[in-house]
Amino acid sequence: MTVTVTTDPDGRLVVISPHHPEWAAAVRTLGGRSDGRRLTRTFEAHDEDAVRQALIAVYGTDGSPDETVTVQVHAARWANQQEAFGLGRRIAHRPHRDDPVRLGDGVHILTGAFPRQGGTPTAPTLGSPFDPITAVLEIRDVPARHPGLTQDWWTAPGGTAHRDALAQERARLTARIAEIDTTLDDTPHDLTPAGTPGAEQRGNPVAYLHDRTARPHHR
């Protein structure tokens, strides 16, 4: 993720930064203008302080050299959204329901995965109620002074994100096993009518097949 702030020959401030909805809102508030180039905005020179403050609030940097950190996060928090934004960048998005999830710059899957599809044709989502997100993401080169780092769902490498993801997956699997046990308890053990060949071998498919192959075939 790169943010640059320069001055054009007319003395106006020129900002180039990644797409982010919060920055788009700040640009409108500050009266920024697009010069026709994607992701480039210009501002009046006397607004420089306000522009730099807005950049730090959104991206954690105003383009000055910054110390960076790496953090982890469980992607399930954005399961019902088509795209995830955080720490000044687009972390992940699914263009269409059946498309794989695409990760933003500096974002990597540490463990787990996203479901193969999510949402509906008109409203794609990162997650699916039938196939929960298990992905834990690692986000690199985050400016250390980004104000969003105070939110407790970001953890340092070796933190709790991975462990929390495994705990959630275990809980999901445990619940599914309980459902299967209940279904099995409520299902009769033998639905084969009495007198049907092989009924006496209920529960022993090998013996049943042997019995079937041992019987003579009449035409």
Protein backbone atom coordinates (compact mmCIF):
# COMPACT_ATOMS: atom_id res chain seq x y z
CA MET A 1 0.00 0.00 0.00
CA THR A 2 1.49 3.34 -1.08
CA VAL A 3 0.39 6.89 -0.31
CA THR A 4 2.20 9.82 -1.90
CA VAL A 5 1.73 13.54 -1.35
CA THR A 6 3.43 15.99 -3.73
CA THR A 7 2.91 19.52 -5.01
CA ASP A 8 2.12 20.37 -8.64
CA PRO A 9 3.57 23.40 -10.53
CA ASP A 10 0.54 25.49 -9.47
CA GLY A 11 1.20 24.80 -5.79
CA ARG A 12 -1.74 22.44 -5.31
CA LEU A 13 -1.43 19.29 -3.24
CA VAL A 14 -1.50 16.05 -5.28
CA VAL A 15 -2.43 12.85 -3.43
CA ILE A 16 -2.22 9.33 -4.84
CA SER A 17 -3.63 6.59 -2.63
CA PRO A 18 -5.46 3.23 -2.86
CA HIS A 19 -9.23 3.14 -3.15
CA HIS A 20 -11.00 3.33 0.19
CA PRO A 21 -14.60 4.45 0.86
CA GLU A 22 -13.59 6.50 3.92
CA TRP A 23 -11.00 8.39 1.88
CA ALA A 24 -13.57 9.04 -0.86
CA ALA A 25 -15.83 10.63 1.77
CA ALA A 26 -12.94 12.73 3.13
CA VAL A 27 -12.09 13.95 -0.38
CA ARG A 28 -15.63 15.23 -0.83
CA THR A 29 -15.55 16.96 2.55
CA LEU A 30 -12.20 18.62 1.81
CA GLY A 31 -13.20 19.71 -1.69
CA GLY A 32 -10.68 17.51 -3.46
CA ARG A 33 -10.81 17.11 -7.20
CA SER A 34 -9.98 14.32 -9.59
CA ASP A 35 -7.64 15.20 -12.44
CA GLY A 36 -8.90 12.29 -14.52
CA ARG A 37 -6.26 9.85 -13.35
CA ARG A 38 -7.51 6.97 -11.23
CA LEU A 39 -6.82 7.32 -7.48
CA THR A 40 -5.29 10.80 -7.89
CA ARG A 41 -6.81 13.81 -6.12
CA THR A 42 -5.77 17.46 -5.88
CA PHE A 43 -6.39 19.92 -3.04
CA GLU A 44 -5.76 23.57 -2.34
CA ALA A 45 -2.42 24.19 -0.64
CA HIS A 46 -3.99 25.83 2.41
CA ASP A 47 -5.83 22.53 3.14
CA GLU A 48 -2.59 20.54 3.48
CA ASP A 49 -2.82 20.00 7.25
CA ALA A 50 -6.42 18.77 7.03
CA VAL A 51 -5.58 16.53 4.08
CA ARG A 52 -2.65 14.93 5.92
CA GLN A 53 -4.77 14.38 9.03
CA ALA A 54 -7.44 12.67 6.92
CA LEU A 55 -4.83 10.46 5.26
CA ILE A 56 -3.48 9.34 8.64
CA ALA A 57 -7.01 8.63 9.90
CA VAL A 58 -7.77 6.40 6.90
CA TYR A 59 -4.42 4.91 5.87
CA GLY A 60 -2.30 5.42 8.98
CA THR A 61 0.21 7.44 6.93
CA ASP A 62 0.45 10.67 4.98
CA GLY A 63 3.22 9.34 2.80
CA SER A 64 6.02 10.13 5.26
CA PRO A 65 8.41 7.29 6.17
CA ASP A 66 6.70 5.13 8.79
CA GLU A 67 7.44 2.09 10.91
CA THR A 68 5.22 -0.81 9.84
CA VAL A 69 3.82 -3.87 11.58
CA THR A 70 2.24 -7.19 10.59
CA VAL A 71 -1.12 -8.23 12.04
CA GLN A 72 -3.55 -11.13 11.79
CA VAL A 73 -7.33 -11.22 11.68
CA HIS A 74 -10.08 -13.82 11.35
CA ALA A 75 -11.89 -13.11 8.06
CA ALA A 76 -15.21 -14.46 9.37
CA ARG A 77 -16.03 -11.02 10.77
CA TRP A 78 -16.81 -9.90 7.19
CA ALA A 79 -18.78 -13.02 6.19
CA ASN A 80 -21.92 -11.09 5.18
CA GLN A 81 -20.11 -8.44 3.15
CA GLN A 82 -18.99 -8.48 -0.47
CA GLU A 83 -15.73 -6.75 0.38
CA ALA A 84 -13.73 -6.10 3.53
CA PHE A 85 -11.91 -2.87 4.30
CA GLY A 86 -9.60 -2.27 7.24
CA LEU A 87 -6.37 -0.55 8.20
CA GLY A 88 -6.50 1.65 5.13
CA ARG A 89 -6.83 -1.02 2.48
CA ARG A 90 -9.26 -3.36 0.80
CA ILE A 91 -8.51 -6.67 2.48
CA ALA A 92 -10.68 -8.99 0.40
CA HIS A 93 -13.58 -8.99 -2.03
CA ARG A 94 -15.69 -11.39 -4.09
CA PRO A 95 -16.63 -9.85 -7.46
CA HIS A 96 -19.46 -12.31 -8.16
CA ARG A 97 -21.15 -15.11 -6.25
CA ASP A 98 -19.23 -17.92 -7.94
CA ASP A 99 -15.88 -16.10 -8.13
CA PRO A 100 -13.04 -16.93 -5.74
CA VAL A 101 -12.26 -14.32 -3.11
CA ARG A 102 -9.52 -11.90 -4.15
CA LEU A 103 -7.09 -10.56 -1.56
CA GLY A 104 -5.76 -7.03 -1.36
CA ASP A 105 -2.15 -5.92 -1.51
CA GLY A 106 -0.08 -7.25 1.35
CA VAL A 107 -2.81 -9.67 2.45
CA HIS A 108 -2.15 -13.41 2.67
CA ILE A 109 -4.08 -16.42 3.96
CA LEU A 110 -2.24 -17.78 6.96
CA THR A 111 -4.51 -20.75 7.51
CA GLY A 112 -8.01 -21.91 6.59
CA ALA A 113 -9.97 -20.81 3.52
CA PHE A 114 -12.92 -18.92 2.08
CA PRO A 115 -15.93 -20.84 0.71
CA ARG A 116 -15.94 -21.40 -3.05
CA GLN A 117 -19.05 -19.25 -3.45
CA GLY A 118 -21.06 -16.89 -1.31
CA GLY A 119 -24.28 -14.90 -1.34
CA THR A 120 -26.57 -14.61 -4.35
CA PRO A 121 -26.05 -13.58 -7.99
CA THR A 122 -27.19 -10.03 -7.12
CA ALA A 123 -25.60 -9.82 -3.67
CA PRO A 124 -22.31 -11.73 -3.42
CA THR A 125 -20.74 -12.18 0.01
CA LEU A 126 -17.37 -13.35 1.25
CA GLY A 127 -18.92 -16.09 3.37
CA SER A 128 -21.69 -18.64 3.11
CA PRO A 129 -24.08 -19.95 5.79
CA PHE A 130 -23.48 -23.45 4.44
CA ASP A 131 -19.68 -23.22 4.36
CA PRO A 132 -18.30 -20.86 7.04
CA ILE A 133 -15.11 -18.87 6.53
CA THR A 134 -12.14 -20.43 8.32
CA ALA A 135 -9.47 -18.14 6.85
CA VAL A 136 -7.07 -16.31 9.13
CA LEU A 137 -5.40 -13.49 7.23
CA GLU A 138 -1.99 -11.94 7.67
CA ILE A 139 -1.77 -8.26 6.74
CA ARG A 140 1.69 -6.87 6.19
CA ASP A 141 3.22 -3.39 6.07
CA VAL A 142 0.55 -1.73 8.20
CA PRO A 143 1.67 1.73 9.41
CA ALA A 144 2.34 1.37 13.13
CA ARG A 145 0.50 4.60 13.94
CA HIS A 146 -2.73 3.57 12.21
CA PRO A 147 -5.54 4.39 14.69
CA GLY A 148 -7.45 1.23 13.70
CA LEU A 149 -4.85 -0.99 15.35
CA THR A 150 -6.49 -0.27 18.72
CA GLN A 151 -9.46 -2.45 17.69
CA ASP A 152 -9.17 -5.80 19.44
CA TRP A 153 -9.80 -8.04 16.41
CA TRP A 154 -6.32 -7.30 15.04
CA THR A 155 -3.68 -9.48 16.66
CA ALA A 156 0.08 -9.69 16.39
CA PRO A 157 1.65 -12.75 14.70
CA GLY A 158 1.50 -15.63 17.12
CA GLY A 159 -1.55 -14.06 18.74
CA THR A 160 -5.00 -15.51 19.26
CA ALA A 161 -6.48 -15.21 15.74
CA HIS A 162 -5.32 -18.65 14.63
CA ARG A 163 -6.34 -20.28 17.90
CA ASP A 164 -9.74 -18.56 17.82
CA ALA A 165 -10.31 -19.79 14.25
CA LEU A 166 -9.55 -23.37 15.25
CA ALA A 167 -11.84 -23.09 18.28
CA GLN A 168 -14.70 -21.85 16.08
CA GLU A 169 -14.15 -24.64 13.57
CA ARG A 170 -14.13 -27.21 16.38
CA ALA A 171 -17.41 -25.82 17.73
CA ARG A 172 -18.97 -26.00 14.26
CA LEU A 173 -17.85 -29.60 13.75
CA THR A 174 -19.01 -30.60 17.23
CA ALA A 175 -22.45 -29.15 16.51
CA ARG A 176 -22.61 -31.02 13.20
CA ILE A 177 -21.68 -34.31 14.88
CA ALA A 178 -24.46 -33.74 17.41
CA GLU A 179 -26.93 -33.23 14.54
CA ILE A 180 -25.80 -36.47 12.90
CA ASP A 181 -26.13 -38.36 16.19
CA THR A 182 -29.67 -37.07 16.64
CA THR A 183 -30.62 -38.04 13.10
CA LEU A 184 -29.21 -41.53 13.55
CA ASP A 185 -31.04 -41.99 16.86
CA ASP A 186 -34.34 -41.02 15.21
CA THR A 187 -33.85 -43.26 12.15
CA PRO A 188 -34.99 -46.92 12.26
CA HIS A 189 -32.07 -49.32 12.11
CA ASP A 190 -33.59 -51.49 9.41
CA LEU A 191 -36.04 -50.33 6.76
CA THR A 192 -35.80 -53.66 4.84
CA PRO A 193 -39.19 -55.52 4.81
CA ALA A 194 -39.23 -58.83 6.67
CA GLY A 195 -38.45 -61.80 4.43
CA THR A 196 -36.37 -59.73 2.01
CA PRO A 197 -33.16 -61.62 1.16
CA GLY A 198 -30.30 -60.22 3.14
CA ALA A 199 -32.39 -58.77 5.96
CA GLU A 200 -30.67 -61.10 8.41
CA GLN A 201 -27.33 -59.57 7.43
CA ARG A 202 -28.46 -56.07 8.49
CA GLY A 203 -25.45 -54.00 9.42
CA ASN A 204 -23.06 -56.38 7.62
CA PRO A 205 -22.81 -55.26 3.95
CA VAL A 206 -19.99 -57.72 3.21
CA ALA A 207 -22.08 -60.70 4.34
CA TYR A 208 -25.05 -59.39 2.38
CA LEU A 209 -23.06 -59.12 -0.86
CA HIS A 210 -21.61 -62.59 -0.30
CA ASP A 211 -25.12 -63.93 0.18
CA ARG A 212 -26.31 -62.28 -3.02
CA THR A 213 -23.45 -63.59 -5.14
CA ALA A 214 -23.77 -67.09 -3.69
CA ARG A 215 -27.42 -67.42 -4.76
CA PRO A 216 -28.05 -69.11 -8.13
CA HIS A 217 -29.43 -66.89 -10.86
CA HIS A 218 -32.49 -68.20 -12.75
CA ARG A 219 -33.54 -66.89 -16.12
